[in-house]
Amino acid sequence: MRRWVSSPSYRATLETLVAARYECGLSQKAVADILGKPPSFIAKIDLGERRLDLVEFVTIARALGLTPEDLMARIAAKLPGDLEF
């Protein structure tokens, strides 16, 4: 059984989140500052050391200047056909 942090689906999700942050020109520290969190909060999410919950997802999307729906659509487009979690 594969752990969720190493599943192709979750890796694709994290890669899409990181790419969206880069496209917005924001560093981990900048997003963390917007959220009032330490930079390690974003670093752990990026590295898959910390799983992102739904409220955090919405908050991060907004911090990136995106709607949660737009960010979710980006993620859904990158997910493999056979989802694993």
PDB file of N, CA and C in Angstrom:
ATOM      1  N   MET A   1       0.848  -1.188   0.000  1.00  0.00           N
ATOM      2  CA  MET A   1       0.000   0.000   0.000  1.00  0.00           C
ATOM      3  C   MET A   1       0.887   1.243   0.000  1.00  0.00           C
ATOM      4  N   ARG A   2       0.610   2.150  -0.894  1.00  0.00           N
ATOM      5  CA  ARG A   2       1.388   3.374  -1.029  1.00  0.00           C
ATOM      6  C   ARG A   2       0.875   4.429  -0.062  1.00  0.00           C
ATOM      7  N   ARG A   3       1.789   5.187   0.509  1.00  0.00           N
ATOM      8  CA  ARG A   3       1.393   6.288   1.388  1.00  0.00           C
ATOM      9  C   ARG A   3       0.912   7.459   0.540  1.00  0.00           C
ATOM     10  N   TRP A   4      -0.031   8.239   1.062  1.00  0.00           N
ATOM     11  CA  TRP A   4      -0.610   9.349   0.316  1.00  0.00           C
ATOM     12  C   TRP A   4       0.423  10.372  -0.107  1.00  0.00           C
ATOM     13  N   VAL A   5       1.476  10.568   0.671  1.00  0.00           N
ATOM     14  CA  VAL A   5       2.449  11.601   0.330  1.00  0.00           C
ATOM     15  C   VAL A   5       3.272  11.243  -0.893  1.00  0.00           C
ATOM     16  N   SER A   6       3.296   9.979  -1.263  1.00  0.00           N
ATOM     17  CA  SER A   6       4.091   9.584  -2.420  1.00  0.00           C
ATOM     18  C   SER A   6       3.234   9.135  -3.591  1.00  0.00           C
ATOM     19  N   SER A   7       1.910   9.247  -3.482  1.00  0.00           N
ATOM     20  CA  SER A   7       1.060   8.827  -4.587  1.00  0.00           C
ATOM     21  C   SER A   7       1.243   9.786  -5.764  1.00  0.00           C
ATOM     22  N   PRO A   8       1.139   9.279  -6.985  1.00  0.00           N
ATOM     23  CA  PRO A   8       1.246  10.152  -8.156  1.00  0.00           C
ATOM     24  C   PRO A   8       0.211  11.285  -8.135  1.00  0.00           C
ATOM     25  N   SER A   9      -0.952  10.999  -7.637  1.00  0.00           N
ATOM     26  CA  SER A   9      -2.010  12.017  -7.585  1.00  0.00           C
ATOM     27  C   SER A   9      -1.651  13.167  -6.655  1.00  0.00           C
ATOM     28  N   TYR A  10      -1.147  12.822  -5.472  1.00  0.00           N
ATOM     29  CA  TYR A  10      -0.806  13.884  -4.526  1.00  0.00           C
ATOM     30  C   TYR A  10       0.432  14.645  -4.987  1.00  0.00           C
ATOM     31  N   ARG A  11       1.397  13.940  -5.577  1.00  0.00           N
ATOM     32  CA  ARG A  11       2.592  14.621  -6.116  1.00  0.00           C
ATOM     33  C   ARG A  11       2.175  15.606  -7.211  1.00  0.00           C
ATOM     34  N   ALA A  12       1.252  15.206  -8.086  1.00  0.00           N
ATOM     35  CA  ALA A  12       0.767  16.106  -9.139  1.00  0.00           C
ATOM     36  C   ALA A  12       0.079  17.324  -8.539  1.00  0.00           C
ATOM     37  N   THR A  13      -0.643  17.110  -7.455  1.00  0.00           N
ATOM     38  CA  THR A  13      -1.301  18.221  -6.765  1.00  0.00           C
ATOM     39  C   THR A  13      -0.273  19.204  -6.234  1.00  0.00           C
ATOM     40  N   LEU A  14       0.745  18.689  -5.565  1.00  0.00           N
ATOM     41  CA  LEU A  14       1.775  19.563  -5.003  1.00  0.00           C
ATOM     42  C   LEU A  14       2.550  20.293  -6.089  1.00  0.00           C
ATOM     43  N   GLU A  15       2.875  19.595  -7.159  1.00  0.00           N
ATOM     44  CA  GLU A  15       3.602  20.237  -8.267  1.00  0.00           C
ATOM     45  C   GLU A  15       2.779  21.369  -8.864  1.00  0.00           C
ATOM     46  N   THR A  16       1.479  21.185  -8.959  1.00  0.00           N
ATOM     47  CA  THR A  16       0.604  22.230  -9.501  1.00  0.00           C
ATOM     48  C   THR A  16       0.522  23.420  -8.552  1.00  0.00           C
ATOM     49  N   LEU A  17       0.453  23.156  -7.251  1.00  0.00           N
ATOM     50  CA  LEU A  17       0.440  24.249  -6.274  1.00  0.00           C
ATOM     51  C   LEU A  17       1.724  25.061  -6.336  1.00  0.00           C
ATOM     52  N   VAL A  18       2.849  24.381  -6.400  1.00  0.00           N
ATOM     53  CA  VAL A  18       4.142  25.077  -6.474  1.00  0.00           C
ATOM     54  C   VAL A  18       4.230  25.882  -7.772  1.00  0.00           C
ATOM     55  N   ALA A  19       3.807  25.297  -8.882  1.00  0.00           N
ATOM     56  CA  ALA A  19       3.841  25.999 -10.172  1.00  0.00           C
ATOM     57  C   ALA A  19       2.966  27.251 -10.130  1.00  0.00           C
ATOM     58  N   ALA A  20       1.800  27.145  -9.515  1.00  0.00           N
ATOM     59  CA  ALA A  20       0.908  28.313  -9.408  1.00  0.00           C
ATOM     60  C   ALA A  20       1.568  29.410  -8.588  1.00  0.00           C
ATOM     61  N   ARG A  21       2.246  29.031  -7.520  1.00  0.00           N
ATOM     62  CA  ARG A  21       2.950  30.022  -6.695  1.00  0.00           C
ATOM     63  C   ARG A  21       4.040  30.710  -7.493  1.00  0.00           C
ATOM     64  N   TYR A  22       4.818  29.931  -8.251  1.00  0.00           N
ATOM     65  CA  TYR A  22       5.870  30.516  -9.096  1.00  0.00           C
ATOM     66  C   TYR A  22       5.267  31.457 -10.142  1.00  0.00           C
ATOM     67  N   GLU A  23       4.166  31.040 -10.771  1.00  0.00           N
ATOM     68  CA  GLU A  23       3.517  31.876 -11.788  1.00  0.00           C
ATOM     69  C   GLU A  23       3.067  33.215 -11.206  1.00  0.00           C
ATOM     70  N   CYS A  24       2.702  33.207  -9.940  1.00  0.00           N
ATOM     71  CA  CYS A  24       2.271  34.439  -9.269  1.00  0.00           C
ATOM     72  C   CYS A  24       3.460  35.258  -8.786  1.00  0.00           C
ATOM     73  N   GLY A  25       4.662  34.705  -8.938  1.00  0.00           N
ATOM     74  CA  GLY A  25       5.868  35.416  -8.534  1.00  0.00           C
ATOM     75  C   GLY A  25       6.054  35.499  -7.029  1.00  0.00           C
ATOM     76  N   LEU A  26       5.498  34.527  -6.320  1.00  0.00           N
ATOM     77  CA  LEU A  26       5.579  34.553  -4.864  1.00  0.00           C
ATOM     78  C   LEU A  26       6.488  33.449  -4.341  1.00  0.00           C
ATOM     79  N   SER A  27       7.291  33.783  -3.346  1.00  0.00           N
ATOM     80  CA  SER A  27       8.150  32.811  -2.677  1.00  0.00           C
ATOM     81  C   SER A  27       7.346  32.113  -1.576  1.00  0.00           C
ATOM     82  N   GLN A  28       7.932  31.065  -1.032  1.00  0.00           N
ATOM     83  CA  GLN A  28       7.309  30.416   0.120  1.00  0.00           C
ATOM     84  C   GLN A  28       7.131  31.415   1.252  1.00  0.00           C
ATOM     85  N   LYS A  29       8.151  32.227   1.481  1.00  0.00           N
ATOM     86  CA  LYS A  29       8.095  33.223   2.558  1.00  0.00           C
ATOM     87  C   LYS A  29       6.987  34.242   2.315  1.00  0.00           C
ATOM     88  N   ALA A  30       6.841  34.692   1.069  1.00  0.00           N
ATOM     89  CA  ALA A  30       5.805  35.688   0.765  1.00  0.00           C
ATOM     90  C   ALA A  30       4.412  35.133   1.038  1.00  0.00           C
ATOM     91  N   VAL A  31       4.166  33.899   0.617  1.00  0.00           N
ATOM     92  CA  VAL A  31       2.854  33.286   0.867  1.00  0.00           C
ATOM     93  C   VAL A  31       2.661  33.085   2.370  1.00  0.00           C
ATOM     94  N   ALA A  32       3.694  32.615   3.042  1.00  0.00           N
ATOM     95  CA  ALA A  32       3.602  32.428   4.490  1.00  0.00           C
ATOM     96  C   ALA A  32       3.297  33.749   5.196  1.00  0.00           C
ATOM     97  N   ASP A  33       3.937  34.826   4.752  1.00  0.00           N
ATOM     98  CA  ASP A  33       3.680  36.141   5.349  1.00  0.00           C
ATOM     99  C   ASP A  33       2.226  36.556   5.149  1.00  0.00           C
ATOM    100  N   ILE A  34       1.691  36.326   3.953  1.00  0.00           N
ATOM    101  CA  ILE A  34       0.288  36.657   3.682  1.00  0.00           C
ATOM    102  C   ILE A  34      -0.634  35.884   4.624  1.00  0.00           C
ATOM    103  N   LEU A  35      -0.272  34.621   4.881  1.00  0.00           N
ATOM    104  CA  LEU A  35      -1.107  33.760   5.725  1.00  0.00           C
ATOM    105  C   LEU A  35      -0.853  33.934   7.216  1.00  0.00           C
ATOM    106  N   GLY A  36       0.220  34.678   7.550  1.00  0.00           N
ATOM    107  CA  GLY A  36       0.569  34.828   8.960  1.00  0.00           C
ATOM    108  C   GLY A  36       1.154  33.561   9.559  1.00  0.00           C
ATOM    109  N   LYS A  37       1.840  32.798   8.726  1.00  0.00           N
ATOM    110  CA  LYS A  37       2.447  31.533   9.141  1.00  0.00           C
ATOM    111  C   LYS A  37       3.952  31.606   8.933  1.00  0.00           C
ATOM    112  N   PRO A  38       4.708  30.710   9.562  1.00  0.00           N
ATOM    113  CA  PRO A  38       6.146  30.670   9.296  1.00  0.00           C
ATOM    114  C   PRO A  38       6.407  30.072   7.910  1.00  0.00           C
ATOM    115  N   PRO A  39       7.527  30.426   7.281  1.00  0.00           N
ATOM    116  CA  PRO A  39       7.843  29.865   5.959  1.00  0.00           C
ATOM    117  C   PRO A  39       7.873  28.346   5.944  1.00  0.00           C
ATOM    118  N   SER A  40       8.210  27.724   7.073  1.00  0.00           N
ATOM    119  CA  SER A  40       8.241  26.261   7.125  1.00  0.00           C
ATOM    120  C   SER A  40       6.860  25.654   6.874  1.00  0.00           C
ATOM    121  N   PHE A  41       5.797  26.395   7.150  1.00  0.00           N
ATOM    122  CA  PHE A  41       4.429  25.919   6.889  1.00  0.00           C
ATOM    123  C   PHE A  41       4.260  25.619   5.399  1.00  0.00           C
ATOM    124  N   ILE A  42       4.665  26.559   4.545  1.00  0.00           N
ATOM    125  CA  ILE A  42       4.555  26.374   3.099  1.00  0.00           C
ATOM    126  C   ILE A  42       5.575  25.360   2.610  1.00  0.00           C
ATOM    127  N   ALA A  43       6.780  25.397   3.152  1.00  0.00           N
ATOM    128  CA  ALA A  43       7.822  24.448   2.743  1.00  0.00           C
ATOM    129  C   ALA A  43       7.375  23.017   2.992  1.00  0.00           C
ATOM    130  N   LYS A  44       6.777  22.755   4.129  1.00  0.00           N
ATOM    131  CA  LYS A  44       6.327  21.397   4.442  1.00  0.00           C
ATOM    132  C   LYS A  44       5.200  20.948   3.528  1.00  0.00           C
ATOM    133  N   ILE A  45       4.335  21.860   3.136  1.00  0.00           N
ATOM    134  CA  ILE A  45       3.285  21.519   2.174  1.00  0.00           C
ATOM    135  C   ILE A  45       3.925  21.197   0.825  1.00  0.00           C
ATOM    136  N   ASP A  46       4.824  22.074   0.364  1.00  0.00           N
ATOM    137  CA  ASP A  46       5.491  21.876  -0.933  1.00  0.00           C
ATOM    138  C   ASP A  46       6.219  20.537  -1.002  1.00  0.00           C
ATOM    139  N   LEU A  47       6.825  20.135   0.094  1.00  0.00           N
ATOM    140  CA  LEU A  47       7.618  18.904   0.133  1.00  0.00           C
ATOM    141  C   LEU A  47       6.788  17.655   0.420  1.00  0.00           C
ATOM    142  N   GLY A  48       5.512  17.835   0.708  1.00  0.00           N
ATOM    143  CA  GLY A  48       4.665  16.694   1.021  1.00  0.00           C
ATOM    144  C   GLY A  48       4.835  16.192   2.443  1.00  0.00           C
ATOM    145  N   GLU A  49       5.442  16.999   3.288  1.00  0.00           N
ATOM    146  CA  GLU A  49       5.628  16.611   4.687  1.00  0.00           C
ATOM    147  C   GLU A  49       4.398  16.938   5.520  1.00  0.00           C
ATOM    148  N   ARG A  50       3.552  17.782   4.975  1.00  0.00           N
ATOM    149  CA  ARG A  50       2.331  18.199   5.669  1.00  0.00           C
ATOM    150  C   ARG A  50       1.192  18.164   4.668  1.00  0.00           C
ATOM    151  N   ARG A  51       0.131  17.465   4.998  1.00  0.00           N
ATOM    152  CA  ARG A  51      -1.009  17.374   4.095  1.00  0.00           C
ATOM    153  C   ARG A  51      -1.860  18.635   4.218  1.00  0.00           C
ATOM    154  N   LEU A  52      -2.315  19.098   3.101  1.00  0.00           N
ATOM    155  CA  LEU A  52      -3.106  20.322   3.013  1.00  0.00           C
ATOM    156  C   LEU A  52      -4.578  20.003   3.242  1.00  0.00           C
ATOM    157  N   ASP A  53      -5.234  20.725   4.153  1.00  0.00           N
ATOM    158  CA  ASP A  53      -6.668  20.499   4.321  1.00  0.00           C
ATOM    159  C   ASP A  53      -7.456  21.492   3.462  1.00  0.00           C
ATOM    160  N   LEU A  54      -8.741  21.314   3.405  1.00  0.00           N
ATOM    161  CA  LEU A  54      -9.586  22.094   2.497  1.00  0.00           C
ATOM    162  C   LEU A  54      -9.571  23.588   2.798  1.00  0.00           C
ATOM    163  N   VAL A  55      -9.661  23.956   4.058  1.00  0.00           N
ATOM    164  CA  VAL A  55      -9.661  25.377   4.423  1.00  0.00           C
ATOM    165  C   VAL A  55      -8.310  26.007   4.082  1.00  0.00           C
ATOM    166  N   GLU A  56      -7.232  25.280   4.338  1.00  0.00           N
ATOM    167  CA  GLU A  56      -5.903  25.785   3.984  1.00  0.00           C
ATOM    168  C   GLU A  56      -5.783  25.938   2.465  1.00  0.00           C
ATOM    169  N   PHE A  57      -6.341  24.995   1.711  1.00  0.00           N
ATOM    170  CA  PHE A  57      -6.320  25.081   0.250  1.00  0.00           C
ATOM    171  C   PHE A  57      -6.995  26.367  -0.226  1.00  0.00           C
ATOM    172  N   VAL A  58      -8.171  26.650   0.305  1.00  0.00           N
ATOM    173  CA  VAL A  58      -8.900  27.861  -0.079  1.00  0.00           C
ATOM    174  C   VAL A  58      -8.089  29.101   0.283  1.00  0.00           C
ATOM    175  N   THR A  59      -7.505  29.114   1.475  1.00  0.00           N
ATOM    176  CA  THR A  59      -6.721  30.256   1.931  1.00  0.00           C
ATOM    177  C   THR A  59      -5.484  30.462   1.065  1.00  0.00           C
ATOM    178  N   ILE A  60      -4.809  29.382   0.710  1.00  0.00           N
ATOM    179  CA  ILE A  60      -3.628  29.496  -0.145  1.00  0.00           C
ATOM    180  C   ILE A  60      -4.017  29.967  -1.542  1.00  0.00           C
ATOM    181  N   ALA A  61      -5.096  29.449  -2.089  1.00  0.00           N
ATOM    182  CA  ALA A  61      -5.558  29.916  -3.399  1.00  0.00           C
ATOM    183  C   ALA A  61      -5.773  31.425  -3.376  1.00  0.00           C
ATOM    184  N   ARG A  62      -6.460  31.899  -2.369  1.00  0.00           N
ATOM    185  CA  ARG A  62      -6.714  33.344  -2.253  1.00  0.00           C
ATOM    186  C   ARG A  62      -5.418  34.135  -2.085  1.00  0.00           C
ATOM    187  N   ALA A  63      -4.463  33.572  -1.323  1.00  0.00           N
ATOM    188  CA  ALA A  63      -3.169  34.247  -1.144  1.00  0.00           C
ATOM    189  C   ALA A  63      -2.429  34.372  -2.473  1.00  0.00           C
ATOM    190  N   LEU A  64      -2.673  33.422  -3.375  1.00  0.00           N
ATOM    191  CA  LEU A  64      -2.049  33.462  -4.698  1.00  0.00           C
ATOM    192  C   LEU A  64      -2.823  34.351  -5.674  1.00  0.00           C
ATOM    193  N   GLY A  65      -3.937  34.906  -5.212  1.00  0.00           N
ATOM    194  CA  GLY A  65      -4.756  35.746  -6.074  1.00  0.00           C
ATOM    195  C   GLY A  65      -5.624  34.941  -7.024  1.00  0.00           C
ATOM    196  N   LEU A  66      -5.868  33.680  -6.681  1.00  0.00           N
ATOM    197  CA  LEU A  66      -6.680  32.787  -7.505  1.00  0.00           C
ATOM    198  C   LEU A  66      -7.952  32.417  -6.758  1.00  0.00           C
ATOM    199  N   THR A  67      -8.952  32.014  -7.491  1.00  0.00           N
ATOM    200  CA  THR A  67     -10.117  31.450  -6.823  1.00  0.00           C
ATOM    201  C   THR A  67      -9.810  29.983  -6.523  1.00  0.00           C
ATOM    202  N   PRO A  68     -10.405  29.447  -5.484  1.00  0.00           N
ATOM    203  CA  PRO A  68     -10.207  28.022  -5.215  1.00  0.00           C
ATOM    204  C   PRO A  68     -10.629  27.160  -6.408  1.00  0.00           C
ATOM    205  N   GLU A  69     -11.664  27.591  -7.100  1.00  0.00           N
ATOM    206  CA  GLU A  69     -12.152  26.839  -8.263  1.00  0.00           C
ATOM    207  C   GLU A  69     -11.113  26.800  -9.377  1.00  0.00           C
ATOM    208  N   ASP A  70     -10.453  27.929  -9.619  1.00  0.00           N
ATOM    209  CA  ASP A  70      -9.425  27.986 -10.656  1.00  0.00           C
ATOM    210  C   ASP A  70      -8.246  27.095 -10.301  1.00  0.00           C
ATOM    211  N   LEU A  71      -7.807  27.171  -9.054  1.00  0.00           N
ATOM    212  CA  LEU A  71      -6.680  26.349  -8.631  1.00  0.00           C
ATOM    213  C   LEU A  71      -7.046  24.870  -8.681  1.00  0.00           C
ATOM    214  N   MET A  72      -8.262  24.525  -8.278  1.00  0.00           N
ATOM    215  CA  MET A  72      -8.699  23.123  -8.337  1.00  0.00           C
ATOM    216  C   MET A  72      -8.782  22.641  -9.776  1.00  0.00           C
ATOM    217  N   ALA A  73      -9.222  23.488 -10.689  1.00  0.00           N
ATOM    218  CA  ALA A  73      -9.282  23.104 -12.099  1.00  0.00           C
ATOM    219  C   ALA A  73      -7.882  22.827 -12.643  1.00  0.00           C
ATOM    220  N   ARG A  74      -6.917  23.627 -12.239  1.00  0.00           N
ATOM    221  CA  ARG A  74      -5.526  23.391 -12.649  1.00  0.00           C
ATOM    222  C   ARG A  74      -5.030  22.043 -12.141  1.00  0.00           C
ATOM    223  N   ILE A  75      -5.357  21.761 -10.895  1.00  0.00           N
ATOM    224  CA  ILE A  75      -4.933  20.491 -10.301  1.00  0.00           C
ATOM    225  C   ILE A  75      -5.622  19.325 -10.998  1.00  0.00           C
ATOM    226  N   ALA A  76      -6.921  19.424 -11.193  1.00  0.00           N
ATOM    227  CA  ALA A  76      -7.679  18.336 -11.825  1.00  0.00           C
ATOM    228  C   ALA A  76      -7.147  18.024 -13.220  1.00  0.00           C
ATOM    229  N   ALA A  77      -6.708  19.049 -13.936  1.00  0.00           N
ATOM    230  CA  ALA A  77      -6.178  18.849 -15.286  1.00  0.00           C
ATOM    231  C   ALA A  77      -4.854  18.094 -15.271  1.00  0.00           C
ATOM    232  N   LYS A  78      -4.135  18.140 -14.169  1.00  0.00           N
ATOM    233  CA  LYS A  78      -2.819  17.487 -14.069  1.00  0.00           C
ATOM    234  C   LYS A  78      -2.879  16.087 -13.467  1.00  0.00           C
ATOM    235  N   LEU A  79      -4.016  15.725 -12.890  1.00  0.00           N
ATOM    236  CA  LEU A  79      -4.102  14.434 -12.219  1.00  0.00           C
ATOM    237  C   LEU A  79      -4.110  13.283 -13.222  1.00  0.00           C
ATOM    238  N   PRO A  80      -3.470  12.183 -12.852  1.00  0.00           N
ATOM    239  CA  PRO A  80      -3.495  11.005 -13.726  1.00  0.00           C
ATOM    240  C   PRO A  80      -4.888  10.424 -13.777  1.00  0.00           C
ATOM    241  N   GLY A  81      -5.150   9.655 -14.807  1.00  0.00           N
ATOM    242  CA  GLY A  81      -6.481   9.065 -14.984  1.00  0.00           C
ATOM    243  C   GLY A  81      -6.883   8.111 -13.877  1.00  0.00           C
ATOM    244  N   ASP A  82      -5.934   7.350 -13.362  1.00  0.00           N
ATOM    245  CA  ASP A  82      -6.233   6.406 -12.285  1.00  0.00           C
ATOM    246  C   ASP A  82      -5.751   6.980 -10.964  1.00  0.00           C
ATOM    247  N   LEU A  83      -6.650   7.665 -10.289  1.00  0.00           N
ATOM    248  CA  LEU A  83      -6.303   8.355  -9.050  1.00  0.00           C
ATOM    249  C   LEU A  83      -5.946   7.382  -7.931  1.00  0.00           C
ATOM    250  N   GLU A  84      -4.886   7.719  -7.247  1.00  0.00           N
ATOM    251  CA  GLU A  84      -4.478   6.998  -6.044  1.00  0.00           C
ATOM    252  C   GLU A  84      -4.367   8.009  -4.929  1.00  0.00           C
ATOM    253  N   PHE A  85      -4.723   7.594  -3.729  1.00  0.00           N
ATOM    254  CA  PHE A  85      -4.552   8.489  -2.577  1.00  0.00           C
ATOM    255  C   PHE A  85      -4.151   7.713  -1.362  1.00  0.00           C
TER     256      PHE A  85
END
